[in-house]
Amino acid sequence: MTASKTFLFFCLSFVGGIFLDSILETSQPLMLGFFILILALILISVLWKHKRVVIFGCCVLFLVFGMFRHQQFELNMADSDLSRLNDSSENVTIIGIIDKEPDVKEKSIKLRVEAEKISTEKESFSVQGKILVSTWRYPEFKYGDKLKITGKLEVPPVFEDFNYKDYLKKDGVYSMMNFPKIEVIGQNIGSPVINALLSFKNRFKEICQSFVSVPQEGLLEALVFGDEENIPQEWKDKFNFTGTRHITAVSGMNITIIASLIMSFALSFGLWRRQAFYLSMTLLLFYVLMIGAPASGVRAGIMAGIFMLAQYFGRNSSSLRAVVFAASIMLFLNPFLLTLDIGFQLSFLAVLGMIYLQPTIEGLLKKIPNPGFFPLRSTLSTTLSAQAFTLPILIYNFGYIPLVSPFTNILIVPFLAPITILIFILGFAGMVFWGFGWILSWPVWLCLTYILKVINWFSKISWASFGVEDVSWIFLVFFYLFLSVIIRRIEKIKKLKFL
């Protein structure tokens, strides 16, 4: 067994340990982990001369390490002074800084605040932790504002169809305040780089809003920035029915597909692989920075970058190892991503789908033309391979099966990369000269209208989607086992053809 393959098994064991600890009760993994640790040490010490047994024992050690890392992270996050004051009857005063761009709604706004100091009726002390503050839409607050907040800390709720507590938990938020008293005591205290990025983003949005109207403008902001606030609820429902909601969010699947399409376009236009790789990486970095570098975007950008790096070297085995290594690093930094962050799951699975299924699907679609100006075959194979791996997660989390999803995505996803690039050009052109922006706004408006027309038409079909209640995790296990059997068969056929 090669060193790289052994390292792959170590990474997979570490990820498996995080998953095992996340699905068991808090007290059980600690005892189980010690038992497994002792077993692994016995195997390594007694059977040292047997290489395979030693590797197996080391894999067990990495499994235990993953379990302990998840427990340590959870205990450190939960055992904070902020969490201890949740649901207390007394008001507390918190001084902190808004560390993320505010989430603006129609009548309210959500602020994520990094707490620095907390005061109660009896004492005052320094703290570290994040809280989510919900308040009225006005007065406005922005990133970098230092606030003095007085109110009651609460545990995030768990709704019947949505676990809001776990959703915030992955970002390190264990406490929230609803409509407290807020006083601004400082401004522009955040990172100058992020401040500059957000200012540029807001200017970019203003330029686009001056040329494109709703609902096209709402879709434009969703495609580029992941902002859905200007999309009417009617259209959000249509996106859900047709299985295209992922295009309105900075999801891992969306960024990964766009990155892959950019590289395909670059290669189709005659660039060398090295030139296409550098161009794609530059545009991907620019895209992540443009949307304000949110955590989900950074994670998806890392996954997409790793995938393109593996494509650059042209080896599927290297692709898998690079992606698993990147996932292991991200999970070491934040183990909650594995089970609580759908964006992480989608980006990871989308990359795996493109690694293992895209070449086969592209071969099956060899009769479809692949011209340089529009690589249709490459685009379709990228879309279908990513969706094959991500569809089960979408069904499991959202409880419905969009039957028309393959058709709508085939008609829409091929246009995402060129439309996104065209929107960037529109924004920059509008900043330089208003006339350039006005001219480019027409093709942008036409492309966005096409996407909305396709979604609107398919949403009117009575059997567009149907709900599935209480989808079990067993469904995920069997589906991915089935996919693994198919991939195994494909790899075997490839090997026989090669021989």
Protein backbone atom coordinates (compact mmCIF):
# COMPACT_ATOMS: atom_id res chain seq x y z
CA MET A 1 0.00 0.00 0.00
CA THR A 2 1.38 3.38 -1.05
CA ALA A 3 2.03 6.19 1.41
CA SER A 4 -0.59 8.44 -0.23
CA LYS A 5 -3.26 5.74 -0.01
CA THR A 6 -2.39 5.10 3.65
CA PHE A 7 -2.72 8.82 4.36
CA LEU A 8 -6.12 8.78 2.63
CA PHE A 9 -7.31 6.07 5.02
CA PHE A 10 -6.06 8.08 7.99
CA CYS A 11 -8.05 11.14 6.85
CA LEU A 12 -11.18 9.06 6.26
CA SER A 13 -10.83 7.53 9.73
CA PHE A 14 -10.57 11.00 11.29
CA VAL A 15 -13.72 12.11 9.46
CA GLY A 16 -15.44 8.88 10.52
CA GLY A 17 -14.58 9.60 14.17
CA ILE A 18 -16.18 13.06 13.95
CA PHE A 19 -19.29 11.55 12.40
CA LEU A 20 -19.48 8.78 15.01
CA ASP A 21 -19.22 11.22 17.90
CA SER A 22 -21.81 13.56 16.39
CA ILE A 23 -24.52 10.89 16.21
CA LEU A 24 -23.97 9.34 19.66
CA GLU A 25 -24.85 10.61 23.12
CA THR A 26 -22.23 12.84 24.77
CA SER A 27 -21.29 10.37 27.49
CA GLN A 28 -21.06 7.30 25.27
CA PRO A 29 -18.28 8.26 22.86
CA LEU A 30 -15.86 9.06 25.69
CA MET A 31 -16.03 5.50 27.06
CA LEU A 32 -16.17 3.99 23.59
CA GLY A 33 -13.23 6.10 22.50
CA PHE A 34 -11.01 4.91 25.36
CA PHE A 35 -11.92 1.30 24.61
CA ILE A 36 -11.09 1.68 20.91
CA LEU A 37 -7.88 3.55 21.78
CA ILE A 38 -6.65 0.71 24.00
CA LEU A 39 -7.55 -1.84 21.30
CA ALA A 40 -5.60 0.10 18.68
CA LEU A 41 -2.52 0.40 20.88
CA ILE A 42 -2.59 -3.35 21.57
CA LEU A 43 -2.82 -4.11 17.85
CA ILE A 44 0.09 -1.81 17.03
CA SER A 45 2.38 -2.98 19.84
CA VAL A 46 1.71 -6.73 19.58
CA LEU A 47 1.55 -7.03 15.78
CA TRP A 48 4.15 -4.42 14.87
CA LYS A 49 5.73 -6.56 12.14
CA HIS A 50 2.45 -6.96 10.26
CA LYS A 51 2.14 -3.82 8.14
CA ARG A 52 -1.58 -4.07 7.36
CA VAL A 53 -2.50 -4.62 10.99
CA VAL A 54 -0.39 -1.64 12.05
CA ILE A 55 -2.08 0.56 9.43
CA PHE A 56 -5.46 -0.64 10.68
CA GLY A 57 -4.46 0.21 14.25
CA CYS A 58 -3.34 3.69 13.19
CA CYS A 59 -6.68 4.19 11.41
CA VAL A 60 -8.40 3.35 14.68
CA LEU A 61 -6.23 5.95 16.44
CA PHE A 62 -7.31 8.59 13.92
CA LEU A 63 -10.92 7.50 14.45
CA VAL A 64 -10.57 8.12 18.18
CA PHE A 65 -8.80 11.41 17.51
CA GLY A 66 -11.77 12.52 15.40
CA MET A 67 -14.19 11.62 18.21
CA PHE A 68 -12.18 13.50 20.82
CA ARG A 69 -11.76 16.53 18.56
CA HIS A 70 -15.53 16.80 18.09
CA GLN A 71 -16.16 16.46 21.83
CA GLN A 72 -13.47 19.00 22.71
CA PHE A 73 -14.84 21.52 20.21
CA GLU A 74 -18.41 21.09 21.43
CA LEU A 75 -17.47 21.43 25.10
CA ASN A 76 -15.37 24.55 24.46
CA MET A 77 -18.17 26.19 22.50
CA ALA A 78 -21.02 25.26 24.82
CA ASP A 79 -19.28 25.87 28.14
CA SER A 80 -19.12 29.65 27.83
CA ASP A 81 -20.29 32.46 30.10
CA LEU A 82 -22.84 33.49 27.48
CA SER A 83 -24.44 30.04 27.36
CA ARG A 84 -24.72 29.87 31.15
CA LEU A 85 -26.84 33.03 31.15
CA ASN A 86 -29.32 31.74 28.57
CA ASP A 87 -32.99 31.92 29.64
CA SER A 88 -32.11 33.86 32.78
CA SER A 89 -34.85 36.05 34.26
CA GLU A 90 -32.56 39.09 34.56
CA ASN A 91 -31.41 41.47 31.84
CA VAL A 92 -27.74 41.50 30.88
CA THR A 93 -25.69 44.16 29.13
CA ILE A 94 -23.27 43.02 26.42
CA ILE A 95 -20.63 45.06 24.64
CA GLY A 96 -19.55 43.61 21.33
CA ILE A 97 -18.78 44.21 17.67
CA ILE A 98 -20.83 43.20 14.62
CA ASP A 99 -18.48 40.69 12.96
CA LYS A 100 -20.60 39.84 9.91
CA GLU A 101 -22.62 41.74 7.34
CA PRO A 102 -26.14 42.22 8.81
CA ASP A 103 -28.92 40.02 7.43
CA VAL A 104 -31.51 42.60 6.35
CA LYS A 105 -35.18 41.58 6.11
CA GLU A 106 -38.19 43.65 5.09
CA LYS A 107 -39.07 44.80 8.63
CA SER A 108 -36.22 43.47 10.77
CA ILE A 109 -32.49 42.87 10.77
CA LYS A 110 -30.29 40.15 12.28
CA LEU A 111 -26.87 41.03 13.70
CA ARG A 112 -24.15 38.57 14.63
CA VAL A 113 -22.19 40.14 17.47
CA GLU A 114 -18.82 39.03 18.83
CA ALA A 115 -19.16 39.70 22.56
CA GLU A 116 -16.27 41.29 24.48
CA LYS A 117 -17.78 42.13 27.86
CA ILE A 118 -20.93 41.20 29.75
CA SER A 119 -22.50 42.81 32.80
CA THR A 120 -25.20 41.53 35.13
CA GLU A 121 -26.72 43.10 38.25
CA LYS A 122 -24.01 41.47 40.37
CA GLU A 123 -20.83 41.42 38.28
CA SER A 124 -19.06 42.43 35.08
CA PHE A 125 -16.47 40.33 33.24
CA SER A 126 -14.84 39.71 29.85
CA VAL A 127 -16.27 37.02 27.59
CA GLN A 128 -15.67 35.39 24.22
CA GLY A 129 -18.57 34.18 22.15
CA LYS A 130 -21.14 35.10 19.53
CA ILE A 131 -24.78 36.07 19.90
CA LEU A 132 -27.47 36.61 17.30
CA VAL A 133 -29.44 39.82 17.82
CA SER A 134 -32.81 40.39 16.11
CA THR A 135 -33.99 44.00 16.03
CA TRP A 136 -36.07 46.43 13.97
CA ARG A 137 -35.05 47.36 10.43
CA TYR A 138 -34.25 50.93 11.46
CA PRO A 139 -32.01 52.50 12.68
CA GLU A 140 -29.49 50.81 10.40
CA PHE A 141 -26.42 48.97 11.65
CA LYS A 142 -23.38 47.83 9.69
CA TYR A 143 -20.34 45.63 9.95
CA GLY A 144 -17.75 46.94 12.44
CA ASP A 145 -20.22 48.81 14.66
CA LYS A 146 -19.51 48.47 18.38
CA LEU A 147 -22.75 48.05 20.31
CA LYS A 148 -24.00 48.17 23.86
CA ILE A 149 -26.91 45.70 24.02
CA THR A 150 -29.26 45.24 26.97
CA GLY A 151 -31.77 42.41 27.05
CA LYS A 152 -32.34 38.75 27.91
CA LEU A 153 -30.24 35.94 26.46
CA GLU A 154 -32.21 33.02 25.05
CA VAL A 155 -31.46 29.57 23.68
CA PRO A 156 -32.13 29.43 19.92
CA PRO A 157 -35.43 27.60 19.31
CA VAL A 158 -36.03 24.25 17.63
CA PHE A 159 -39.03 24.41 15.32
CA GLU A 160 -41.09 21.47 14.14
CA ASP A 161 -39.60 21.50 10.63
CA PHE A 162 -36.30 23.31 11.26
CA ASN A 163 -33.62 23.00 13.93
CA TYR A 164 -32.58 26.65 14.25
CA LYS A 165 -30.38 25.82 17.25
CA ASP A 166 -28.17 23.47 15.22
CA TYR A 167 -28.16 25.88 12.29
CA LEU A 168 -26.58 28.58 14.49
CA LYS A 169 -24.43 26.08 16.38
CA LYS A 170 -22.21 25.41 13.36
CA ASP A 171 -21.24 29.10 13.36
CA GLY A 172 -20.47 29.13 17.07
CA VAL A 173 -23.71 30.91 18.09
CA TYR A 174 -25.37 29.46 21.19
CA SER A 175 -27.32 32.51 22.41
CA MET A 176 -29.69 35.07 20.92
CA MET A 177 -31.52 38.27 21.88
CA ASN A 178 -34.83 39.45 20.47
CA PHE A 179 -35.42 43.20 20.11
CA PRO A 180 -33.16 44.39 22.93
CA LYS A 181 -32.13 47.97 23.69
CA ILE A 182 -29.17 48.85 21.43
CA GLU A 183 -26.75 51.77 21.60
CA VAL A 184 -23.93 52.36 19.08
CA ILE A 185 -20.73 53.24 20.97
CA GLY A 186 -18.22 52.88 18.12
CA GLN A 187 -17.92 52.49 14.35
CA ASN A 188 -15.54 51.03 11.73
CA ILE A 189 -13.83 48.77 14.25
CA GLY A 190 -13.87 45.67 12.04
CA SER A 191 -11.33 44.56 9.46
CA PRO A 192 -10.48 47.31 6.92
CA VAL A 193 -10.29 44.66 4.18
CA ILE A 194 -13.80 43.37 4.87
CA ASN A 195 -15.08 46.95 5.16
CA ALA A 196 -13.64 47.72 1.73
CA LEU A 197 -15.12 44.53 0.25
CA LEU A 198 -18.58 45.27 1.63
CA SER A 199 -18.45 48.86 0.40
CA PHE A 200 -17.48 47.66 -3.06
CA LYS A 201 -20.24 45.03 -2.96
CA ASN A 202 -22.88 47.61 -2.02
CA ARG A 203 -21.71 49.92 -4.79
CA PHE A 204 -21.83 47.03 -7.24
CA LYS A 205 -25.42 46.23 -6.18
CA GLU A 206 -26.47 49.86 -6.58
CA ILE A 207 -25.12 49.90 -10.15
CA CYS A 208 -26.96 46.70 -11.06
CA GLN A 209 -30.20 47.88 -9.41
CA SER A 210 -30.14 51.02 -11.55
CA PHE A 211 -30.22 48.93 -14.75
CA VAL A 212 -32.28 45.81 -13.90
CA SER A 213 -35.72 45.69 -12.27
CA VAL A 214 -37.48 43.10 -10.07
CA PRO A 215 -37.79 40.11 -10.33
CA GLN A 216 -34.73 39.94 -12.60
CA GLU A 217 -32.78 42.17 -10.20
CA GLY A 218 -33.54 39.87 -7.26
CA LEU A 219 -32.25 36.87 -9.24
CA LEU A 220 -29.14 38.85 -10.22
CA GLU A 221 -28.24 39.55 -6.58
CA ALA A 222 -28.94 35.92 -5.65
CA LEU A 223 -26.70 34.57 -8.42
CA VAL A 224 -23.75 36.82 -7.61
CA PHE A 225 -24.03 37.44 -3.86
CA GLY A 226 -26.41 34.78 -2.55
CA ASP A 227 -28.80 37.51 -1.32
CA GLU A 228 -32.45 36.42 -1.56
CA GLU A 229 -33.99 39.44 0.16
CA ASN A 230 -35.21 41.00 -3.12
CA ILE A 231 -36.74 37.77 -4.46
CA PRO A 232 -40.52 37.65 -3.86
CA GLN A 233 -41.78 34.66 -1.85
CA GLU A 234 -43.81 33.54 -4.87
CA TRP A 235 -40.62 33.05 -6.84
CA LYS A 236 -38.84 31.34 -3.93
CA ASP A 237 -41.63 28.75 -3.93
CA LYS A 238 -41.18 28.26 -7.67
CA PHE A 239 -37.45 27.69 -7.19
CA ASN A 240 -38.27 25.04 -4.58
CA PHE A 241 -40.84 23.28 -6.76
CA THR A 242 -38.44 23.02 -9.69
CA GLY A 243 -35.34 22.05 -7.70
CA THR A 244 -33.43 25.20 -8.65
CA ARG A 245 -33.23 26.92 -5.26
CA HIS A 246 -29.50 26.17 -5.14
CA ILE A 247 -28.82 28.82 -7.81
CA THR A 248 -30.07 31.54 -5.43
CA ALA A 249 -27.62 30.74 -2.66
CA VAL A 250 -23.86 30.72 -2.24
CA SER A 251 -23.97 26.95 -1.95
CA GLY A 252 -21.09 24.58 -2.29
CA MET A 253 -22.70 22.85 -5.24
CA ASN A 254 -23.30 26.13 -7.04
CA ILE A 255 -19.76 27.46 -6.65
CA THR A 256 -18.23 24.10 -7.54
CA ILE A 257 -20.29 23.81 -10.73
CA ILE A 258 -19.51 27.41 -11.74
CA ALA A 259 -15.78 26.88 -11.14
CA SER A 260 -15.79 23.71 -13.23
CA LEU A 261 -17.71 25.42 -16.04
CA ILE A 262 -15.29 28.35 -16.09
CA MET A 263 -12.39 25.94 -16.58
CA SER A 264 -14.30 24.08 -19.32
CA PHE A 265 -15.03 27.36 -21.12
CA ALA A 266 -11.39 28.43 -20.84
CA LEU A 267 -10.16 25.12 -22.29
CA SER A 268 -12.77 25.26 -25.06
CA PHE A 269 -11.52 28.67 -26.16
CA GLY A 270 -8.06 27.26 -26.79
CA LEU A 271 -6.23 28.10 -23.58
CA TRP A 272 -3.64 25.65 -22.33
CA ARG A 273 -4.52 23.71 -19.21
CA ARG A 274 -2.12 25.76 -17.11
CA GLN A 275 -3.57 29.04 -18.42
CA ALA A 276 -7.15 27.81 -17.88
CA PHE A 277 -6.26 26.72 -14.34
CA TYR A 278 -4.76 30.08 -13.35
CA LEU A 279 -7.64 31.99 -14.95
CA SER A 280 -10.24 29.83 -13.18
CA MET A 281 -8.52 30.13 -9.81
CA THR A 282 -8.25 33.91 -10.19
CA LEU A 283 -11.92 34.28 -11.11
CA LEU A 284 -12.93 31.94 -8.26
CA LEU A 285 -10.93 33.97 -5.73
CA PHE A 286 -12.43 37.17 -7.10
CA TYR A 287 -15.92 35.69 -6.82
CA VAL A 288 -15.50 34.63 -3.18
CA LEU A 289 -14.11 38.08 -2.29
CA MET A 290 -16.91 39.78 -4.23
CA ILE A 291 -19.63 38.10 -2.15
CA GLY A 292 -17.94 39.28 1.05
CA ALA A 293 -16.03 36.04 1.74
CA PRO A 294 -18.71 34.38 3.91
CA ALA A 295 -17.76 31.15 5.67
CA SER A 296 -19.93 29.06 3.33
CA GLY A 297 -18.38 30.73 0.28
CA VAL A 298 -14.83 30.22 1.55
CA ARG A 299 -15.49 26.51 2.24
CA ALA A 300 -17.07 26.01 -1.17
CA GLY A 301 -14.24 27.97 -2.79
CA ILE A 302 -11.65 25.72 -1.15
CA MET A 303 -13.49 22.62 -2.39
CA ALA A 304 -13.79 24.00 -5.91
CA GLY A 305 -10.14 25.06 -5.90
CA ILE A 306 -9.03 21.59 -4.82
CA PHE A 307 -11.16 20.03 -7.56
CA MET A 308 -9.66 22.29 -10.24
CA LEU A 309 -6.16 21.58 -8.91
CA ALA A 310 -6.81 17.86 -9.29
CA GLN A 311 -8.22 18.46 -12.79
CA TYR A 312 -5.03 20.35 -13.59
CA PHE A 313 -2.96 17.25 -12.79
CA GLY A 314 -5.54 15.06 -14.57
CA ARG A 315 -5.75 12.22 -12.01
CA ASN A 316 -8.94 10.99 -10.36
CA SER A 317 -7.06 9.27 -7.55
CA SER A 318 -5.25 12.50 -6.74
CA SER A 319 -8.57 14.33 -6.89
CA LEU A 320 -10.12 12.14 -4.22
CA ARG A 321 -7.13 12.39 -1.90
CA ALA A 322 -6.87 16.15 -2.28
CA VAL A 323 -10.59 16.65 -1.59
CA VAL A 324 -10.59 14.35 1.45
CA PHE A 325 -7.49 16.09 2.82
CA ALA A 326 -9.11 19.53 2.37
CA ALA A 327 -12.28 18.28 4.07
CA SER A 328 -10.24 16.89 6.98
CA ILE A 329 -8.49 20.23 7.52
CA MET A 330 -11.82 22.10 7.51
CA LEU A 331 -13.37 19.57 9.89
CA PHE A 332 -10.43 19.81 12.25
CA LEU A 333 -11.03 23.57 12.45
CA ASN A 334 -14.81 23.15 12.80
CA PRO A 335 -16.09 19.56 13.30
CA PHE A 336 -19.73 20.76 13.24
CA LEU A 337 -19.55 21.24 9.47
CA LEU A 338 -19.88 17.52 8.80
CA THR A 339 -23.42 17.04 10.09
CA LEU A 340 -24.77 20.58 10.57
CA ASP A 341 -23.62 22.48 7.45
CA ILE A 342 -25.57 21.49 4.33
CA GLY A 343 -23.35 23.76 2.23
CA PHE A 344 -20.26 21.77 3.23
CA GLN A 345 -22.04 18.49 2.44
CA LEU A 346 -23.19 19.74 -0.97
CA SER A 347 -19.78 21.07 -1.97
CA PHE A 348 -18.02 17.85 -0.92
CA LEU A 349 -20.53 15.59 -2.68
CA ALA A 350 -20.68 17.74 -5.81
CA VAL A 351 -16.90 17.47 -6.19
CA LEU A 352 -17.01 13.68 -5.70
CA GLY A 353 -19.77 13.40 -8.28
CA MET A 354 -17.74 15.32 -10.85
CA ILE A 355 -14.62 13.27 -10.09
CA TYR A 356 -16.24 9.87 -10.55
CA LEU A 357 -19.25 10.36 -12.83
CA GLN A 358 -18.45 13.29 -15.12
CA PRO A 359 -16.07 11.39 -17.48
CA THR A 360 -18.55 8.52 -17.85
CA ILE A 361 -21.57 10.78 -18.40
CA GLU A 362 -19.63 12.86 -20.91
CA GLY A 363 -18.79 9.66 -22.79
CA LEU A 364 -22.47 8.68 -22.87
CA LEU A 365 -23.32 12.12 -24.27
CA LYS A 366 -20.66 12.00 -27.01
CA LYS A 367 -23.26 12.66 -29.72
CA ILE A 368 -24.08 16.05 -28.17
CA PRO A 369 -21.95 18.80 -29.73
CA ASN A 370 -19.26 20.50 -27.67
CA PRO A 371 -18.38 23.67 -29.63
CA GLY A 372 -15.70 26.02 -28.34
CA PHE A 373 -18.04 28.95 -27.85
CA PHE A 374 -20.46 26.86 -25.76
CA PRO A 375 -19.22 23.46 -24.44
CA LEU A 376 -22.69 21.93 -24.09
CA ARG A 377 -21.60 18.35 -23.52
CA SER A 378 -19.12 19.28 -20.77
CA THR A 379 -21.70 21.51 -19.13
CA LEU A 380 -24.40 18.82 -19.10
CA SER A 381 -22.04 16.16 -17.75
CA THR A 382 -20.86 18.50 -14.99
CA THR A 383 -24.42 19.34 -13.97
CA LEU A 384 -25.76 15.78 -14.00
CA SER A 385 -22.78 14.28 -12.16
CA ALA A 386 -22.97 16.88 -9.37
CA GLN A 387 -26.74 16.49 -9.03
CA ALA A 388 -26.54 12.70 -8.86
CA PHE A 389 -24.48 12.97 -5.67
CA THR A 390 -26.28 15.92 -4.05
CA LEU A 391 -29.95 15.09 -4.74
CA PRO A 392 -30.29 12.65 -1.76
CA ILE A 393 -29.05 15.31 0.68
CA LEU A 394 -31.55 17.83 -0.72
CA ILE A 395 -34.39 15.32 -0.41
CA TYR A 396 -33.36 14.35 3.13
CA ASN A 397 -33.10 17.94 4.37
CA PHE A 398 -36.01 19.59 2.58
CA GLY A 399 -38.49 16.70 2.37
CA TYR A 400 -39.55 16.90 -1.26
CA ILE A 401 -38.53 15.36 -4.57
CA PRO A 402 -38.41 17.85 -7.47
CA LEU A 403 -39.24 15.54 -10.39
CA VAL A 404 -38.54 18.22 -13.01
CA SER A 405 -35.22 19.17 -11.43
CA PRO A 406 -33.02 17.41 -14.03
CA PHE A 407 -34.82 19.15 -16.89
CA THR A 408 -34.82 22.63 -15.36
CA ASN A 409 -31.19 22.39 -14.32
CA ILE A 410 -30.10 21.17 -17.74
CA LEU A 411 -31.79 24.22 -19.28
CA ILE A 412 -30.45 26.67 -16.67
CA VAL A 413 -27.11 25.59 -15.19
CA PRO A 414 -25.16 25.76 -18.49
CA PHE A 415 -25.83 29.50 -18.53
CA LEU A 416 -24.78 30.21 -14.91
CA ALA A 417 -21.06 30.69 -15.55
CA PRO A 418 -21.40 33.01 -18.60
CA ILE A 419 -24.24 34.96 -16.95
CA THR A 420 -22.21 35.43 -13.76
CA ILE A 421 -19.22 36.67 -15.76
CA LEU A 422 -21.49 38.98 -17.76
CA ILE A 423 -22.96 40.42 -14.54
CA PHE A 424 -19.45 41.17 -13.27
CA ILE A 425 -18.64 42.97 -16.52
CA LEU A 426 -21.93 44.89 -16.22
CA GLY A 427 -21.09 46.05 -12.70
CA PHE A 428 -17.56 47.17 -13.57
CA ALA A 429 -18.65 48.81 -16.81
CA GLY A 430 -21.38 50.72 -14.97
CA MET A 431 -18.82 52.02 -12.49
CA VAL A 432 -16.58 53.29 -15.29
CA PHE A 433 -19.23 54.74 -17.60
CA TRP A 434 -23.02 54.64 -17.22
CA GLY A 435 -23.56 54.14 -20.97
CA PHE A 436 -21.50 50.94 -21.03
CA GLY A 437 -23.58 49.55 -18.17
CA TRP A 438 -26.84 50.45 -19.91
CA ILE A 439 -25.77 48.63 -23.10
CA LEU A 440 -24.66 45.49 -21.21
CA SER A 441 -27.79 45.46 -19.06
CA TRP A 442 -29.88 44.31 -22.03
CA PRO A 443 -28.16 40.93 -22.56
CA VAL A 444 -28.04 40.44 -18.76
CA TRP A 445 -31.77 41.18 -18.49
CA LEU A 446 -32.48 38.81 -21.38
CA CYS A 447 -30.51 35.94 -19.79
CA LEU A 448 -32.15 36.44 -16.39
CA THR A 449 -35.58 36.58 -18.03
CA TYR A 450 -34.85 33.29 -19.80
CA ILE A 451 -34.03 31.61 -16.45
CA LEU A 452 -37.21 32.95 -14.85
CA LYS A 453 -39.33 31.87 -17.83
CA VAL A 454 -37.99 28.31 -17.66
CA ILE A 455 -38.62 28.11 -13.89
CA ASN A 456 -42.08 29.64 -14.21
CA TRP A 457 -43.10 27.23 -16.98
CA PHE A 458 -41.94 24.09 -15.15
CA SER A 459 -43.45 25.26 -11.83
CA LYS A 460 -46.91 25.19 -13.43
CA ILE A 461 -46.65 21.44 -14.10
CA SER A 462 -48.86 19.61 -11.60
CA TRP A 463 -46.34 16.83 -10.98
CA ALA A 464 -43.31 19.17 -10.75
CA SER A 465 -42.53 17.89 -7.25
CA PHE A 466 -44.08 16.03 -4.37
CA GLY A 467 -43.41 16.09 -0.66
CA VAL A 468 -41.79 13.25 1.25
CA GLU A 469 -42.41 13.12 4.99
CA ASP A 470 -39.91 11.76 7.53
CA VAL A 471 -37.13 10.75 5.14
CA SER A 472 -34.92 8.36 7.11
CA TRP A 473 -31.14 8.39 7.20
CA ILE A 474 -31.41 4.79 5.98
CA PHE A 475 -32.44 6.24 2.62
CA LEU A 476 -29.12 8.09 2.45
CA VAL A 477 -27.15 4.97 3.37
CA PHE A 478 -28.77 2.80 0.70
CA PHE A 479 -28.61 5.49 -1.98
CA TYR A 480 -24.91 6.14 -1.51
CA LEU A 481 -24.19 2.41 -1.26
CA PHE A 482 -25.96 2.06 -4.60
CA LEU A 483 -23.85 4.89 -6.04
CA SER A 484 -20.67 3.28 -4.71
CA VAL A 485 -21.57 0.00 -6.45
CA ILE A 486 -22.11 1.86 -9.73
CA ILE A 487 -18.80 3.71 -9.37
CA ARG A 488 -17.02 0.46 -8.53
CA ARG A 489 -18.44 -1.07 -11.67
CA ILE A 490 -17.44 1.94 -13.77
CA GLU A 491 -13.87 1.85 -12.43
CA LYS A 492 -13.66 -1.88 -13.17
CA ILE A 493 -14.83 -1.38 -16.76
CA LYS A 494 -12.29 1.42 -17.22
CA LYS A 495 -9.53 -0.83 -15.93
CA LEU A 496 -10.50 -3.66 -18.28
CA LYS A 497 -10.59 -1.27 -21.24
CA PHE A 498 -7.16 0.03 -20.32
CA LEU A 499 -5.73 -3.48 -20.12
